[in-house]
Amino acid sequence: MIAQLTGKVAAVGGTWLVVDLSGFGLKASCTPATAARAVVGEPITVHTSLVVREDSLTLYAFNEPAERDCFELVQSATGIGPKIAQAVVSVFSPDEFRAAVASGNVAALTRVPGIGAKGAQRLVLELKDKVALLAGTTAPGATVPVASSWREQVRAGLEGLGYSTRDAEAACDRVAAQAEENPDTPVALLLRAALRSLAK
């Protein structure tokens, strides 16, 4: 199991990055918040989960171990694959996800693209006793202040989660005031606000 990578960022997109490990580049899918933290040419450490399928090996990267643990826990629920698990980690911090499942907040869980009411009820039913195992999160530096390209990052993140460009742009318009009012707002928070606006 590949649990962590430390190297230089070779390339980065809205929902992926390439980490150069002394000439060996590994591409990993990631949340928009993780991609926002990555700067080409700069060192980075990401916590990873390798998903093995019959026809593929896909690496997923996260800012914090708790995000990776949440991603893996969500996949233990019936019918949930890595794409929806990544969407969960994009919408919720591990603490927020733990609180939503523990309290049975189905409405909150349905904000995740790809999870309807029945899927949310299944998550609560199957994970309620397991979410307590998620470690506390929000370590220093886990969130990254918004950069001037916040709109591109949020739009790319929403498109990576399956939304159309039109819907993604509309959601960016709805959170633009929040970004302008507080330029230090982390991209992850803007993405979550955009997702909430799309769920209404």
Protein backbone atom coordinates (compact mmCIF):
# COMPACT_ATOMS: atom_id res chain seq x y z
CA MET A 1 0.00 0.00 0.00
CA ILE A 2 1.32 3.45 -0.94
CA ALA A 3 0.39 5.55 2.10
CA GLN A 4 2.37 8.75 1.53
CA LEU A 5 4.35 10.58 -1.14
CA THR A 6 6.95 13.30 -0.62
CA GLY A 7 8.51 14.99 -3.61
CA LYS A 8 8.18 17.96 -5.93
CA VAL A 9 5.00 18.87 -7.78
CA ALA A 10 5.61 18.19 -11.48
CA ALA A 11 2.13 19.11 -12.73
CA VAL A 12 -1.27 19.93 -11.29
CA GLY A 13 -4.87 20.17 -12.51
CA GLY A 14 -8.24 20.81 -10.89
CA THR A 15 -8.56 17.30 -9.45
CA TRP A 16 -5.13 15.68 -9.98
CA LEU A 17 -1.44 16.23 -9.43
CA VAL A 18 1.86 14.60 -10.40
CA VAL A 19 4.51 14.17 -7.71
CA ASP A 20 8.11 13.79 -8.94
CA LEU A 21 9.99 11.33 -6.75
CA SER A 22 13.58 11.87 -7.96
CA GLY A 23 12.67 11.41 -11.60
CA PHE A 24 9.77 8.98 -11.07
CA GLY A 25 6.44 10.78 -11.48
CA LEU A 26 3.27 9.47 -9.87
CA LYS A 27 -0.09 10.90 -10.91
CA ALA A 28 -2.79 10.95 -8.26
CA SER A 29 -6.43 12.02 -8.28
CA CYS A 30 -7.14 14.51 -5.52
CA THR A 31 -9.70 16.89 -4.09
CA PRO A 32 -9.72 20.49 -5.34
CA ALA A 33 -8.40 21.58 -1.93
CA THR A 34 -5.36 19.32 -2.31
CA ALA A 35 -4.78 20.55 -5.86
CA ALA A 36 -5.04 24.16 -4.67
CA ARG A 37 -2.18 23.56 -2.23
CA ALA A 38 0.12 22.14 -4.92
CA VAL A 39 2.54 24.52 -6.66
CA VAL A 40 4.57 23.24 -9.62
CA GLY A 41 8.25 22.95 -8.66
CA GLU A 42 7.58 23.15 -4.91
CA PRO A 43 7.96 20.26 -2.44
CA ILE A 44 4.80 18.54 -1.22
CA THR A 45 3.77 15.67 1.03
CA VAL A 46 0.43 13.99 0.38
CA HIS A 47 -1.27 11.07 2.10
CA THR A 48 -2.47 8.49 -0.37
CA SER A 49 -4.80 5.57 -0.94
CA LEU A 50 -4.30 3.08 -3.77
CA VAL A 51 -7.52 1.74 -5.31
CA VAL A 52 -6.96 -1.55 -7.15
CA ARG A 53 -9.39 -2.65 -9.86
CA GLU A 54 -9.15 -5.46 -12.42
CA ASP A 55 -8.18 -3.00 -15.15
CA SER A 56 -6.53 -0.15 -13.24
CA LEU A 57 -4.47 1.07 -10.31
CA THR A 58 -5.56 4.55 -9.22
CA LEU A 59 -3.81 6.61 -6.58
CA TYR A 60 -5.78 9.20 -4.58
CA ALA A 61 -3.98 11.97 -2.68
CA PHE A 62 -5.07 14.03 0.34
CA ASN A 63 -3.72 16.87 2.48
CA GLU A 64 -4.20 15.03 5.78
CA PRO A 65 -4.25 11.39 6.94
CA ALA A 66 -7.78 11.89 8.32
CA GLU A 67 -9.04 12.81 4.84
CA ARG A 68 -7.54 9.59 3.44
CA ASP A 69 -9.09 7.60 6.30
CA CYS A 70 -12.48 9.19 5.62
CA PHE A 71 -12.15 8.38 1.89
CA GLU A 72 -11.41 4.72 2.70
CA LEU A 73 -14.17 4.50 5.32
CA VAL A 74 -16.83 5.84 2.94
CA GLN A 75 -15.92 3.13 0.39
CA SER A 76 -16.70 0.44 2.97
CA ALA A 77 -20.40 1.32 2.59
CA THR A 78 -22.38 -0.77 0.11
CA GLY A 79 -22.39 0.59 -3.43
CA ILE A 80 -19.93 3.45 -2.79
CA GLY A 81 -16.87 3.65 -5.03
CA PRO A 82 -13.85 5.93 -5.05
CA LYS A 83 -15.47 8.66 -7.17
CA ILE A 84 -18.28 9.25 -4.69
CA ALA A 85 -15.89 8.81 -1.75
CA GLN A 86 -13.68 11.55 -3.23
CA ALA A 87 -16.77 13.75 -3.62
CA VAL A 88 -17.59 13.19 0.07
CA VAL A 89 -14.10 14.35 1.11
CA SER A 90 -14.43 17.34 -1.24
CA VAL A 91 -17.73 18.42 0.33
CA PHE A 92 -17.04 17.59 4.00
CA SER A 93 -14.04 17.71 6.27
CA PRO A 94 -13.68 14.40 8.16
CA ASP A 95 -15.05 16.11 11.30
CA GLU A 96 -18.09 17.38 9.41
CA PHE A 97 -18.70 13.97 7.85
CA ARG A 98 -18.41 12.26 11.22
CA ALA A 99 -20.92 14.71 12.74
CA ALA A 100 -23.37 14.30 9.83
CA VAL A 101 -23.31 10.50 10.01
CA ALA A 102 -23.36 10.31 13.81
CA SER A 103 -26.38 12.62 13.99
CA GLY A 104 -28.16 10.93 11.05
CA ASN A 105 -28.24 14.18 9.06
CA VAL A 106 -29.44 12.72 5.74
CA ALA A 107 -30.15 16.17 4.27
CA ALA A 108 -26.53 17.21 4.71
CA LEU A 109 -25.21 14.00 3.16
CA THR A 110 -27.35 14.43 0.04
CA ARG A 111 -25.33 17.58 -0.80
CA VAL A 112 -22.65 15.21 -2.10
CA PRO A 113 -22.94 14.72 -5.89
CA GLY A 114 -24.08 11.16 -6.56
CA ILE A 115 -25.66 10.54 -3.14
CA GLY A 116 -29.43 10.62 -2.93
CA ALA A 117 -31.68 10.12 0.07
CA LYS A 118 -31.40 6.31 0.00
CA GLY A 119 -27.62 6.44 -0.36
CA ALA A 120 -27.38 8.90 2.54
CA GLN A 121 -29.54 6.64 4.71
CA ARG A 122 -27.28 3.71 3.82
CA LEU A 123 -24.19 5.69 4.83
CA VAL A 124 -25.77 6.52 8.19
CA LEU A 125 -26.89 2.93 8.77
CA GLU A 126 -23.60 1.28 7.80
CA LEU A 127 -21.10 3.85 9.10
CA LYS A 128 -22.69 5.24 12.26
CA ASP A 129 -20.68 2.90 14.49
CA LYS A 130 -17.46 3.36 12.48
CA VAL A 131 -17.17 7.16 12.12
CA ALA A 132 -16.01 7.53 15.71
CA LEU A 133 -12.73 5.95 14.57
CA LEU A 134 -11.95 8.96 12.35
CA ALA A 135 -9.16 10.96 13.97
CA GLY A 136 -9.52 14.67 14.66
CA THR A 137 -8.51 16.92 11.79
CA THR A 138 -7.70 20.47 10.87
CA ALA A 139 -3.97 20.40 11.46
CA PRO A 140 -2.06 23.65 10.99
CA GLY A 141 -1.70 24.47 7.33
CA ALA A 142 -4.43 22.04 6.30
CA THR A 143 -6.39 24.81 4.64
CA VAL A 144 -4.88 27.06 2.05
CA PRO A 145 -5.80 30.72 1.61
CA VAL A 146 -7.62 31.44 -1.61
CA ALA A 147 -5.40 32.45 -4.51
CA SER A 148 -6.30 34.80 -7.33
CA SER A 149 -7.29 31.75 -9.38
CA TRP A 150 -9.92 30.55 -6.89
CA ARG A 151 -12.60 30.63 -9.59
CA GLU A 152 -10.63 28.30 -11.87
CA GLN A 153 -9.94 25.90 -9.01
CA VAL A 154 -13.54 25.80 -7.80
CA ARG A 155 -14.88 25.44 -11.35
CA ALA A 156 -12.42 22.63 -12.15
CA GLY A 157 -13.29 20.92 -8.88
CA LEU A 158 -17.02 21.06 -9.60
CA GLU A 159 -16.49 19.79 -13.14
CA GLY A 160 -14.33 16.98 -11.73
CA LEU A 161 -17.27 16.04 -9.50
CA GLY A 162 -19.54 15.77 -12.54
CA TYR A 163 -21.22 19.18 -12.80
CA SER A 164 -21.53 20.91 -16.18
CA THR A 165 -19.39 23.95 -16.96
CA ARG A 166 -22.53 26.09 -16.96
CA ASP A 167 -23.60 24.93 -13.48
CA ALA A 168 -20.03 25.27 -12.19
CA GLU A 169 -19.77 28.85 -13.46
CA ALA A 170 -23.14 29.73 -11.92
CA ALA A 171 -22.02 28.31 -8.57
CA CYS A 172 -18.79 30.34 -8.78
CA ASP A 173 -20.87 33.48 -9.37
CA ARG A 174 -22.87 32.74 -6.21
CA VAL A 175 -19.75 32.49 -4.01
CA ALA A 176 -17.81 35.34 -5.66
CA ALA A 177 -19.01 37.85 -3.07
CA GLN A 178 -17.72 35.63 -0.26
CA ALA A 179 -14.31 35.36 -1.95
CA GLU A 180 -14.09 39.12 -2.53
CA GLU A 181 -15.25 39.98 0.98
CA ASN A 182 -12.57 37.79 2.56
CA PRO A 183 -9.61 37.14 0.22
CA ASP A 184 -8.10 34.73 2.79
CA THR A 185 -11.00 32.28 2.43
CA PRO A 186 -9.59 28.79 1.66
CA VAL A 187 -10.52 27.34 -1.73
CA ALA A 188 -11.93 24.27 0.04
CA LEU A 189 -14.48 26.45 1.87
CA LEU A 190 -15.46 28.21 -1.35
CA LEU A 191 -15.91 24.83 -3.04
CA ARG A 192 -18.15 23.62 -0.22
CA ALA A 193 -20.21 26.82 -0.43
CA ALA A 194 -20.53 26.33 -4.19
CA LEU A 195 -21.65 22.71 -3.69
CA ARG A 196 -24.25 23.83 -1.13
CA SER A 197 -25.61 26.36 -3.63
CA LEU A 198 -25.94 23.65 -6.27
CA ALA A 199 -27.76 21.33 -3.85
CA LYS A 200 -30.56 23.85 -3.24
